[in-house]
């Protein structure tokens, strides 16, 4: 072939290639909206939304619709078996940046013809996707968790002990569950920021903390044995004093004391006010018998004290009366007064202790139940020992000028004073093994108080002292029967009630 023909052939081939290229460019340009300044080029998408061929407003609308759909996506927060439904928007879903429509629109809009062409061709060939960034407004998320999730918090509940018809029952305990707000907020925020952009609902487990109850049904059910009991007589009380006794006993009845807890008589029987059911009755005050709201409740604390020492629980606080009382031997009383004299004892066992109290038929009775761990061959008894007797001084006379010379009235009988001790004697197989000092007590001696007329006549006949129905006084006290050796008592059987008093207390 001649050189001329070769040249013509080369030119022909080049021409064909050119035609093909031009056709390809035309085809690409037509499919990529090349030259159309109002639309976004093909191949561009935002967060999976194809916006190619759309105007900016159309693309913005499409993206907003996509975001709105995500905002309405359902999320379920699982709280201890409960599902709390919500939308992404309700838990604080937000879009961080949303300026990608403008960026997509700028593709192929700058530079010369070839720069524009090749930029558009590249996008068409490989596509370009702009991914939105999401986050959660933690203030909104926190509010959702606190208001919608924390309502499923459950407090741990101990097993409770009840005595009905002489039989104990224990309720089932409950495990506590508490939503950990900060950790749950973090879990929801993380789920939002890393969500898969699909339509299906998503789930998040709330972070919870469980709290086991301290006292289970198994442990509480061990309280079934009678550990100690005691009874005193209040049948000689006035109606008001009897009312106070019954009121205080009712407050104590049914009390459960868990291991390690301390019982306070003052706290349990509440303030001695008329609002709490108490009435005015005789009581000791500064060596005299006076009327006071709640008079007589010391007999309740005293009866309980004796039940407690029979049960051999730990006595934390106990005080004697200022003067002896008639319903128990010396050193076996337990006075309460104001906030400075209280009877307290501690449950020093490993099982809850239940107090059953009653005030019926003129008798106060307390029974203390728990788990009996003392051996059968071990018995205890208590002995009151009077170490000193203090006689009252001369009578105290008060002159009442308004009364005639023959007038003479005993306003308060004399009280003998004592110093005494209470011993606990322990026997094993009938043989004494221990003698333990439980307390030492002092009781004041008080003289007789008399009121007379203005002029004392040579031989007036003294009038009879008025009856006083209070639990802590009347006629002159004699040396209490406390000094007699009581019979042996066996635990947990009830201690025999003391003889009916002779002093009218």
Protein backbone atom coordinates (compact mmCIF):
# COMPACT_ATOMS: atom_id res chain seq x y z
CA UNK A 1 0.00 0.00 0.00
CA UNK A 2 1.25 3.43 -0.88
CA UNK A 3 2.07 5.96 1.79
CA UNK A 4 -0.91 8.02 0.71
CA UNK A 5 -3.31 5.18 1.22
CA UNK A 6 -1.81 4.38 4.60
CA UNK A 7 -2.30 7.99 5.69
CA UNK A 8 -5.89 7.96 4.54
CA UNK A 9 -6.53 4.74 6.45
CA UNK A 10 -5.09 6.18 9.66
CA UNK A 11 -7.17 9.32 9.31
CA UNK A 12 -10.25 7.21 8.74
CA UNK A 13 -9.66 5.20 11.88
CA UNK A 14 -9.05 8.32 13.91
CA UNK A 15 -12.23 9.82 12.55
CA UNK A 16 -14.23 6.75 13.52
CA UNK A 17 -12.82 6.81 17.01
CA UNK A 18 -13.67 10.45 17.31
CA UNK A 19 -17.23 9.83 16.18
CA UNK A 20 -17.58 7.05 18.78
CA UNK A 21 -16.15 9.24 21.52
CA UNK A 22 -18.39 12.12 20.62
CA UNK A 23 -21.37 9.77 20.60
CA UNK A 24 -20.36 8.45 24.03
CA UNK A 25 -19.90 11.92 25.38
CA UNK A 26 -23.28 12.92 24.02
CA UNK A 27 -24.84 9.83 25.51
CA UNK A 28 -23.20 10.39 28.93
CA UNK A 29 -24.04 14.05 28.87
CA UNK A 30 -27.66 13.32 28.03
CA UNK A 31 -27.97 10.77 30.84
CA UNK A 32 -26.13 12.93 33.35
CA UNK A 33 -28.10 16.10 32.74
CA UNK A 34 -24.90 17.62 31.48
CA UNK A 35 -25.49 21.21 30.66
CA UNK A 36 -28.65 21.37 32.76
CA UNK A 37 -27.79 23.95 35.37
CA UNK A 38 -31.02 23.45 37.40
CA UNK A 39 -30.69 19.80 38.39
CA UNK A 40 -28.29 17.55 40.29
CA UNK A 41 -26.27 15.12 38.25
CA UNK A 42 -27.10 11.43 38.12
CA UNK A 43 -25.34 9.15 40.60
CA UNK A 44 -25.59 11.49 43.60
CA UNK A 45 -27.41 10.34 46.77
CA UNK A 46 -27.77 11.44 50.36
CA UNK A 47 -28.02 8.76 53.05
CA UNK A 48 -29.22 6.30 50.40
CA UNK A 49 -31.79 8.68 48.89
CA UNK A 50 -31.19 9.03 45.13
CA UNK A 51 -31.34 12.74 44.26
CA UNK A 52 -29.91 12.56 40.74
CA UNK A 53 -31.91 14.60 38.21
CA UNK A 54 -33.68 16.54 40.97
CA UNK A 55 -33.68 20.24 41.52
CA UNK A 56 -32.33 21.49 44.80
CA UNK A 57 -35.80 21.98 46.25
CA UNK A 58 -36.89 18.51 45.13
CA UNK A 59 -33.76 16.98 46.64
CA UNK A 60 -34.21 18.88 49.90
CA UNK A 61 -37.82 17.69 50.10
CA UNK A 62 -36.77 14.07 49.47
CA UNK A 63 -34.09 14.22 52.16
CA UNK A 64 -36.43 15.86 54.66
CA UNK A 65 -38.95 13.11 54.02
CA UNK A 66 -36.23 10.55 54.68
CA UNK A 67 -35.25 12.25 57.95
CA UNK A 68 -38.90 12.50 59.00
CA UNK A 69 -39.30 8.79 58.39
CA UNK A 70 -36.26 8.08 60.55
CA UNK A 71 -37.64 10.36 63.27
CA UNK A 72 -40.81 8.27 63.38
CA UNK A 73 -38.91 4.98 63.50
CA UNK A 74 -39.91 2.92 66.54
CA UNK A 75 -37.53 2.14 69.34
CA UNK A 76 -38.37 -0.18 72.23
CA UNK A 77 -36.55 0.15 75.55
CA UNK A 78 -36.67 -3.06 77.56
CA UNK A 79 -36.89 -2.49 81.32
CA UNK A 80 -36.85 -5.62 83.44
CA UNK A 81 -39.22 -7.50 81.14
CA UNK A 82 -41.35 -4.46 80.30
CA UNK A 83 -41.17 -2.87 76.84
CA UNK A 84 -41.35 0.92 76.69
CA UNK A 85 -42.19 1.95 73.07
CA UNK A 86 -41.22 5.32 71.62
CA UNK A 87 -40.06 6.96 68.40
CA UNK A 88 -36.54 8.09 67.60
CA UNK A 89 -37.78 11.66 67.86
CA UNK A 90 -39.22 11.06 71.32
CA UNK A 91 -35.84 9.93 72.62
CA UNK A 92 -33.94 12.91 71.19
CA UNK A 93 -33.02 11.90 67.59
CA UNK A 94 -31.39 14.79 65.67
CA UNK A 95 -29.47 15.37 62.40
CA UNK A 96 -26.06 16.94 62.88
CA UNK A 97 -25.37 18.30 59.34
CA UNK A 98 -27.69 18.60 56.37
CA UNK A 99 -25.98 20.76 53.71
CA UNK A 100 -25.34 17.90 51.27
CA UNK A 101 -28.02 18.97 48.76
CA UNK A 102 -25.96 22.05 47.97
CA UNK A 103 -22.79 19.97 47.68
CA UNK A 104 -24.47 17.50 45.33
CA UNK A 105 -25.85 20.33 43.22
CA UNK A 106 -22.37 21.81 42.71
CA UNK A 107 -21.13 18.64 40.96
CA UNK A 108 -20.31 19.49 37.33
CA UNK A 109 -21.14 23.14 37.73
CA UNK A 110 -17.61 24.55 37.93
CA UNK A 111 -14.58 24.61 35.61
CA UNK A 112 -14.30 24.27 31.78
CA UNK A 113 -16.22 21.91 29.62
CA UNK A 114 -13.86 19.00 30.05
CA UNK A 115 -13.55 19.46 33.84
CA UNK A 116 -17.30 19.50 34.18
CA UNK A 117 -17.68 16.54 31.88
CA UNK A 118 -15.16 14.33 33.60
CA UNK A 119 -16.51 15.21 37.09
CA UNK A 120 -20.01 14.23 36.00
CA UNK A 121 -18.74 11.13 34.24
CA UNK A 122 -16.91 10.05 37.39
CA UNK A 123 -20.00 10.45 39.56
CA UNK A 124 -22.06 8.54 36.99
CA UNK A 125 -19.55 5.73 36.89
CA UNK A 126 -18.90 5.33 40.63
CA UNK A 127 -21.81 7.21 42.25
CA UNK A 128 -21.29 9.49 45.22
CA UNK A 129 -23.18 9.17 48.49
CA UNK A 130 -23.30 11.70 51.27
CA UNK A 131 -24.04 10.16 54.69
CA UNK A 132 -25.88 12.21 57.27
CA UNK A 133 -24.60 12.31 60.82
CA UNK A 134 -27.08 11.66 63.62
CA UNK A 135 -27.00 12.31 67.35
CA UNK A 136 -29.34 12.44 70.32
CA UNK A 137 -30.21 15.45 72.42
CA UNK A 138 -29.22 13.95 75.78
CA UNK A 139 -31.54 16.27 77.70
CA UNK A 140 -34.49 14.83 75.78
CA UNK A 141 -33.16 11.29 76.16
CA UNK A 142 -32.70 11.72 79.91
CA UNK A 143 -36.20 13.10 80.33
CA UNK A 144 -37.58 10.08 78.46
CA UNK A 145 -35.66 7.64 80.66
CA UNK A 146 -36.65 9.36 83.91
CA UNK A 147 -40.32 9.76 83.00
CA UNK A 148 -41.00 6.63 80.96
CA UNK A 149 -38.49 4.04 82.13
CA UNK A 150 -37.86 4.77 85.78
CA UNK A 151 -41.54 4.19 86.56
CA UNK A 152 -40.70 0.50 86.41
CA UNK A 153 -38.28 0.81 89.33
CA UNK A 154 -39.18 -1.63 92.08
CA UNK A 155 -37.93 -1.41 95.65
CA UNK A 156 -36.60 -4.54 97.27
CA UNK A 157 -39.17 -5.91 99.70
CA UNK A 158 -38.39 -8.05 102.70
CA UNK A 159 -40.54 -10.98 103.64
CA UNK A 160 -43.05 -9.95 106.32
CA UNK A 161 -44.15 -12.02 109.27
CA UNK A 162 -47.77 -12.24 110.36
CA UNK A 163 -49.43 -14.07 113.25
CA UNK A 164 -53.02 -15.05 112.65
CA UNK A 165 -55.07 -17.50 114.68
CA UNK A 166 -51.94 -18.58 116.48
CA UNK A 167 -50.10 -19.49 113.29
CA UNK A 168 -47.21 -17.63 111.64
CA UNK A 169 -47.11 -16.95 107.91
CA UNK A 170 -44.33 -15.28 105.93
CA UNK A 171 -44.90 -13.30 102.74
CA UNK A 172 -42.70 -13.73 99.67
CA UNK A 173 -39.76 -11.39 99.34
CA UNK A 174 -39.19 -9.19 96.24
CA UNK A 175 -36.00 -8.31 94.38
CA UNK A 176 -35.50 -4.59 93.81
CA UNK A 177 -34.83 -3.16 90.34
CA UNK A 178 -33.65 0.38 89.59
CA UNK A 179 -32.98 1.87 86.16
CA UNK A 180 -29.50 3.37 85.97
CA UNK A 181 -30.39 6.60 84.20
CA UNK A 182 -26.93 7.66 82.99
CA UNK A 183 -26.04 4.23 81.59
CA UNK A 184 -29.44 3.82 79.93
CA UNK A 185 -29.16 7.26 78.30
CA UNK A 186 -25.75 6.28 76.91
CA UNK A 187 -27.16 3.03 75.50
CA UNK A 188 -30.00 4.86 73.71
CA UNK A 189 -27.68 7.57 72.36
CA UNK A 190 -25.30 4.93 71.00
CA UNK A 191 -28.17 3.11 69.29
CA UNK A 192 -29.33 6.30 67.60
CA UNK A 193 -25.88 7.33 66.42
CA UNK A 194 -25.15 3.89 64.98
CA UNK A 195 -28.58 2.89 63.69
CA UNK A 196 -28.81 0.94 60.42
CA UNK A 197 -31.12 3.44 58.65
CA UNK A 198 -33.77 0.80 58.05
CA UNK A 199 -37.47 0.98 58.78
CA UNK A 200 -37.70 -1.92 61.23
CA UNK A 201 -38.09 -1.11 64.95
CA UNK A 202 -34.96 -1.29 67.08
CA UNK A 203 -34.56 -2.43 70.67
CA UNK A 204 -32.38 -1.22 73.52
CA UNK A 205 -31.99 -2.85 76.92
CA UNK A 206 -32.15 -0.40 79.81
CA UNK A 207 -29.30 -0.76 82.26
CA UNK A 208 -30.75 -1.81 85.61
CA UNK A 209 -29.35 -2.60 89.02
CA UNK A 210 -30.95 -5.29 91.13
CA UNK A 211 -31.07 -5.28 94.92
CA UNK A 212 -31.73 -8.47 96.80
CA UNK A 213 -33.99 -8.24 99.87
CA UNK A 214 -32.25 -8.58 103.20
CA UNK A 215 -34.83 -10.88 104.71
CA UNK A 216 -36.19 -13.76 102.64
CA UNK A 217 -39.24 -15.89 103.26
CA UNK A 218 -36.98 -18.80 104.11
CA UNK A 219 -35.22 -16.85 106.83
CA UNK A 220 -38.32 -15.14 108.25
CA UNK A 221 -40.18 -18.46 108.44
CA UNK A 222 -37.71 -19.60 111.10
CA UNK A 223 -39.48 -17.33 113.61
CA UNK A 224 -41.92 -19.78 115.13
CA UNK A 225 -40.74 -20.60 118.66
CA UNK A 226 -41.81 -18.97 121.92
CA UNK A 227 -38.64 -17.55 123.49
CA UNK A 228 -40.03 -15.69 126.47
CA UNK A 229 -43.25 -14.41 128.02
CA UNK A 230 -44.42 -12.41 131.05
CA UNK A 231 -47.70 -11.16 132.54
CA UNK A 232 -48.60 -8.43 135.06
CA UNK A 233 -51.89 -7.41 136.63
CA UNK A 234 -53.44 -3.97 136.10
CA UNK A 235 -56.97 -4.75 137.24
CA UNK A 236 -56.84 -2.16 140.06
CA UNK A 237 -56.15 0.68 137.58
CA UNK A 238 -58.47 3.59 136.98
CA UNK A 239 -60.34 3.65 133.68
CA UNK A 240 -57.93 6.24 132.26
CA UNK A 241 -54.85 4.26 133.29
CA UNK A 242 -56.34 1.06 131.85
CA UNK A 243 -56.94 2.91 128.60
CA UNK A 244 -53.30 4.00 128.48
CA UNK A 245 -52.11 0.45 129.11
CA UNK A 246 -54.25 -0.95 126.30
CA UNK A 247 -53.19 1.84 123.92
CA UNK A 248 -49.47 1.26 124.47
CA UNK A 249 -49.81 -2.53 124.21
CA UNK A 250 -51.70 -2.19 120.92
CA UNK A 251 -48.88 -0.09 119.45
CA UNK A 252 -46.33 -2.77 120.38
CA UNK A 253 -48.37 -5.82 119.40
CA UNK A 254 -47.25 -7.27 116.06
CA UNK A 255 -43.86 -5.55 116.00
CA UNK A 256 -41.17 -7.45 114.09
CA UNK A 257 -37.55 -6.78 115.00
CA UNK A 258 -35.06 -7.97 112.41
CA UNK A 259 -31.59 -9.24 113.31
CA UNK A 260 -29.37 -6.42 114.54
CA UNK A 261 -32.24 -3.95 114.96
CA UNK A 262 -32.94 -2.18 118.28
CA UNK A 263 -36.45 -1.76 119.66
CA UNK A 264 -37.27 1.55 121.41
CA UNK A 265 -40.38 1.52 123.58
CA UNK A 266 -40.73 5.32 123.43
CA UNK A 267 -40.68 5.33 119.63
CA UNK A 268 -43.02 2.39 119.18
CA UNK A 269 -45.75 3.52 121.59
CA UNK A 270 -45.64 7.01 120.02
CA UNK A 271 -45.86 10.35 121.82
CA UNK A 272 -48.14 10.18 124.82
CA UNK A 273 -50.75 12.66 123.65
CA UNK A 274 -54.52 12.69 123.47
CA UNK A 275 -54.22 12.61 119.67
CA UNK A 276 -52.46 9.23 119.97
CA UNK A 277 -55.16 7.86 122.27
CA UNK A 278 -53.72 8.53 125.72
CA UNK A 279 -55.54 10.02 128.73
CA UNK A 280 -54.53 11.71 131.98
CA UNK A 281 -53.76 9.26 134.79
CA UNK A 282 -51.53 9.11 137.92
CA UNK A 283 -47.77 8.75 137.44
CA UNK A 284 -44.54 9.40 139.34
CA UNK A 285 -42.89 12.80 139.07
CA UNK A 286 -40.14 14.19 141.34
CA UNK A 287 -41.00 11.83 144.18
CA UNK A 288 -44.73 12.51 144.01
CA UNK A 289 -47.76 10.99 142.35
CA UNK A 290 -49.27 13.43 139.85
CA UNK A 291 -51.66 13.24 136.95
CA UNK A 292 -50.04 13.11 133.50
CA UNK A 293 -51.06 12.15 129.96
CA UNK A 294 -50.13 8.52 129.47
CA UNK A 295 -49.82 7.59 133.14
CA UNK A 296 -49.47 3.82 133.54
CA UNK A 297 -47.46 3.04 130.40
CA UNK A 298 -44.45 2.15 132.57
CA UNK A 299 -46.24 -1.06 133.49
CA UNK A 300 -46.28 -1.91 129.79
CA UNK A 301 -42.54 -1.34 129.39
CA UNK A 302 -41.91 -3.28 132.62
CA UNK A 303 -43.91 -6.28 131.45
CA UNK A 304 -42.08 -6.22 128.15
CA UNK A 305 -38.72 -6.00 129.94
CA UNK A 306 -39.42 -9.21 131.80
CA UNK A 307 -40.49 -11.02 128.62
CA UNK A 308 -37.26 -9.84 126.97
CA UNK A 309 -34.98 -11.10 129.73
CA UNK A 310 -36.84 -14.41 129.70
CA UNK A 311 -36.14 -14.58 125.95
CA UNK A 312 -32.51 -13.65 126.74
CA UNK A 313 -32.37 -10.88 124.17
CA UNK A 314 -29.83 -8.08 124.60
CA UNK A 315 -31.04 -5.23 126.83
CA UNK A 316 -29.62 -1.95 125.53
CA UNK A 317 -31.22 0.54 127.94
CA UNK A 318 -33.27 0.11 131.12
CA UNK A 319 -33.95 2.42 134.08
CA UNK A 320 -35.70 1.79 137.42
CA UNK A 321 -38.58 3.95 138.64
CA UNK A 322 -37.86 6.72 141.10
CA UNK A 323 -39.95 4.80 143.67
CA UNK A 324 -40.87 1.13 143.82
CA UNK A 325 -43.87 -0.15 141.88
CA UNK A 326 -46.28 -2.80 143.07
CA UNK A 327 -46.65 -5.02 140.02
CA UNK A 328 -43.14 -6.58 139.87
CA UNK A 329 -40.35 -7.34 142.35
CA UNK A 330 -37.60 -4.74 142.84
CA UNK A 331 -35.12 -4.47 139.97
CA UNK A 332 -37.57 -6.10 137.55
CA UNK A 333 -39.17 -2.82 136.48
CA UNK A 334 -38.31 -0.68 133.46
CA UNK A 335 -39.41 2.96 133.59
CA UNK A 336 -39.91 5.26 130.62
CA UNK A 337 -40.17 9.02 130.87
CA UNK A 338 -40.00 11.81 128.31
CA UNK A 339 -37.09 11.12 126.00
CA UNK A 340 -34.45 10.54 128.67
CA UNK A 341 -35.72 7.24 130.08
CA UNK A 342 -36.38 4.50 127.55
CA UNK A 343 -36.49 0.74 127.50
CA UNK A 344 -34.52 -0.57 124.53
CA UNK A 345 -33.44 -4.03 123.51
CA UNK A 346 -31.65 -5.49 120.51
CA UNK A 347 -32.43 -8.56 118.46
CA UNK A 348 -29.10 -10.29 118.87
CA UNK A 349 -30.24 -13.45 117.07
CA UNK A 350 -30.00 -14.44 113.41
CA UNK A 351 -33.77 -14.59 112.89
CA UNK A 352 -36.53 -11.94 113.12
CA UNK A 353 -38.24 -11.58 116.50
CA UNK A 354 -42.01 -11.10 116.76
CA UNK A 355 -43.74 -9.45 119.75
CA UNK A 356 -47.30 -10.46 120.54
CA UNK A 357 -48.93 -8.29 123.18
CA UNK A 358 -52.35 -8.23 124.81
CA UNK A 359 -54.14 -6.29 127.55
CA UNK A 360 -57.28 -8.21 128.45
CA UNK A 361 -59.07 -9.18 131.63
CA UNK A 362 -56.93 -6.82 133.70
CA UNK A 363 -53.67 -8.49 132.65
CA UNK A 364 -50.84 -7.31 130.40
CA UNK A 365 -49.09 -10.14 128.60
CA UNK A 366 -46.20 -10.18 126.15
CA UNK A 367 -44.93 -13.17 124.19
CA UNK A 368 -41.69 -13.01 122.22
CA UNK A 369 -41.20 -15.40 119.32
CA UNK A 370 -38.08 -16.27 117.35
CA UNK A 371 -35.92 -19.29 116.65
CA UNK A 372 -35.11 -21.37 119.73
CA UNK A 373 -31.43 -22.31 119.74
CA UNK A 374 -30.99 -22.85 123.50
CA UNK A 375 -30.50 -26.49 124.55
CA UNK A 376 -33.38 -28.27 126.27
CA UNK A 377 -31.30 -29.09 129.34
CA UNK A 378 -30.59 -25.40 130.02
CA UNK A 379 -32.98 -23.52 132.34
CA UNK A 380 -32.95 -19.99 133.75
CA UNK A 381 -34.52 -18.16 136.68
CA UNK A 382 -34.32 -14.64 138.07
CA UNK A 383 -33.78 -13.50 141.65
CA UNK A 384 -34.37 -10.03 143.07
CA UNK A 385 -32.04 -9.18 145.93
CA UNK A 386 -32.66 -6.24 148.25
CA UNK A 387 -29.31 -4.97 149.47
CA UNK A 388 -30.56 -1.99 151.49
CA UNK A 389 -33.85 -0.72 152.86
CA UNK A 390 -34.32 3.03 153.34
CA UNK A 391 -37.11 4.18 155.65
CA UNK A 392 -39.05 7.34 154.77
CA UNK A 393 -38.47 10.38 157.02
CA UNK A 394 -40.98 12.29 159.07
CA UNK A 395 -44.20 13.23 157.41
CA UNK A 396 -44.36 16.50 155.53
CA UNK A 397 -47.20 18.74 156.79
CA UNK A 398 -48.83 21.46 154.75
CA UNK A 399 -51.19 23.93 156.46
CA UNK A 400 -54.32 24.95 154.58
CA UNK A 401 -55.67 28.14 156.21
CA UNK A 402 -59.04 27.66 154.55
CA UNK A 403 -59.68 24.42 156.45
CA UNK A 404 -60.80 24.09 160.09
CA UNK A 405 -58.37 23.10 162.82
CA UNK A 406 -59.74 19.54 162.83
CA UNK A 407 -58.91 18.99 159.14
CA UNK A 408 -56.22 16.39 158.39
CA UNK A 409 -55.80 14.55 155.08
CA UNK A 410 -53.00 12.27 153.88
CA UNK A 411 -52.33 13.45 150.32
CA UNK A 412 -49.60 10.90 149.59
CA UNK A 413 -48.59 7.78 151.47
CA UNK A 414 -45.01 7.13 152.51
CA UNK A 415 -42.74 5.07 150.26
CA UNK A 416 -39.93 2.88 151.57
CA UNK A 417 -36.73 3.17 149.54
CA UNK A 418 -34.58 0.26 148.42
CA UNK A 419 -31.33 -0.65 146.77
CA UNK A 420 -31.58 -3.90 144.89
CA UNK A 421 -30.02 -6.20 142.31
CA UNK A 422 -31.43 -8.60 139.76
CA UNK A 423 -29.62 -11.87 139.12
CA UNK A 424 -30.00 -14.39 136.31
CA UNK A 425 -29.31 -17.94 137.43
CA UNK A 426 -28.44 -20.54 134.77
CA UNK A 427 -28.90 -24.27 135.32
CA UNK A 428 -27.62 -27.12 133.16
CA UNK A 429 -29.30 -30.44 133.91
CA UNK A 430 -30.58 -28.91 137.16
CA UNK A 431 -27.14 -27.80 138.33
CA UNK A 432 -26.40 -24.08 138.74
CA UNK A 433 -23.61 -23.08 136.38
CA UNK A 434 -23.83 -19.28 136.29
CA UNK A 435 -25.11 -16.36 138.35
CA UNK A 436 -25.16 -13.20 136.25
CA UNK A 437 -25.88 -9.68 137.51
CA UNK A 438 -28.44 -8.10 135.17
CA UNK A 439 -28.91 -4.74 136.89
CA UNK A 440 -28.60 -2.70 140.06
CA UNK A 441 -31.43 -0.36 141.03
CA UNK A 442 -32.08 2.39 143.56
CA UNK A 443 -35.55 3.51 144.68
CA UNK A 444 -36.11 6.68 146.66
CA UNK A 445 -37.73 6.77 150.08
CA UNK A 446 -40.49 9.36 150.25
CA UNK A 447 -42.25 10.62 153.41
CA UNK A 448 -45.94 10.79 153.94
CA UNK A 449 -47.51 14.11 152.88
CA UNK A 450 -50.31 15.51 155.06
CA UNK A 451 -52.49 18.62 154.76
CA UNK A 452 -53.96 20.05 157.96
CA UNK A 453 -56.13 22.97 159.00
CA UNK A 454 -54.81 26.27 160.28
CA UNK A 455 -54.72 25.34 163.96
CA UNK A 456 -53.80 21.81 164.93
CA UNK A 457 -56.08 20.54 167.68
CA UNK A 458 -54.64 18.37 170.50
CA UNK A 459 -56.08 15.04 169.40
CA UNK A 460 -57.63 15.09 165.96
CA UNK A 461 -58.65 11.83 164.42
CA UNK A 462 -56.76 11.47 161.11
CA UNK A 463 -58.98 11.02 158.14
CA UNK A 464 -58.65 8.07 155.86
CA UNK A 465 -56.30 8.57 152.90
CA UNK A 466 -58.13 8.67 149.55
CA UNK A 467 -57.83 5.68 147.28
CA UNK A 468 -55.33 6.21 144.48
CA UNK A 469 -55.84 3.97 141.49
CA UNK A 470 -52.54 4.71 139.77
CA UNK A 471 -50.13 2.03 138.84
CA UNK A 472 -47.17 3.55 140.60
CA UNK A 473 -48.26 4.54 144.13
CA UNK A 474 -50.94 4.60 146.79
CA UNK A 475 -50.63 3.34 150.31
CA UNK A 476 -47.31 3.16 152.05
CA UNK A 477 -45.15 0.59 150.38
CA UNK A 478 -43.93 -2.46 152.14
CA UNK A 479 -40.83 -4.34 151.32
CA UNK A 480 -41.75 -5.92 147.95
CA UNK A 481 -42.21 -9.64 147.54
CA UNK A 482 -39.29 -9.37 145.16
CA UNK A 483 -36.86 -10.69 147.70
CA UNK A 484 -38.47 -14.09 147.77
CA UNK A 485 -36.71 -16.75 145.73
CA UNK A 486 -38.90 -17.35 142.64
CA UNK A 487 -39.50 -20.76 141.33
CA UNK A 488 -37.32 -21.93 138.49
CA UNK A 489 -38.51 -20.90 135.08
CA UNK A 490 -37.78 -22.74 131.94
CA UNK A 491 -37.14 -21.03 128.64
CA UNK A 492 -39.05 -20.48 126.47
CA UNK A 493 -42.07 -21.08 128.78
CA UNK A 494 -43.80 -18.04 130.30
CA UNK A 495 -42.59 -16.74 133.64
CA UNK A 496 -45.27 -16.91 136.32
CA UNK A 497 -46.97 -13.56 136.91
CA UNK A 498 -46.27 -11.95 140.31
CA UNK A 499 -48.89 -12.06 143.07
CA UNK A 500 -51.61 -9.46 142.89
CA UNK A 501 -50.21 -6.36 144.64
CA UNK A 502 -51.33 -5.16 147.98
CA UNK A 503 -50.39 -1.54 147.63
CA UNK A 504 -53.03 -0.63 145.04
CA UNK A 505 -50.50 0.26 142.37
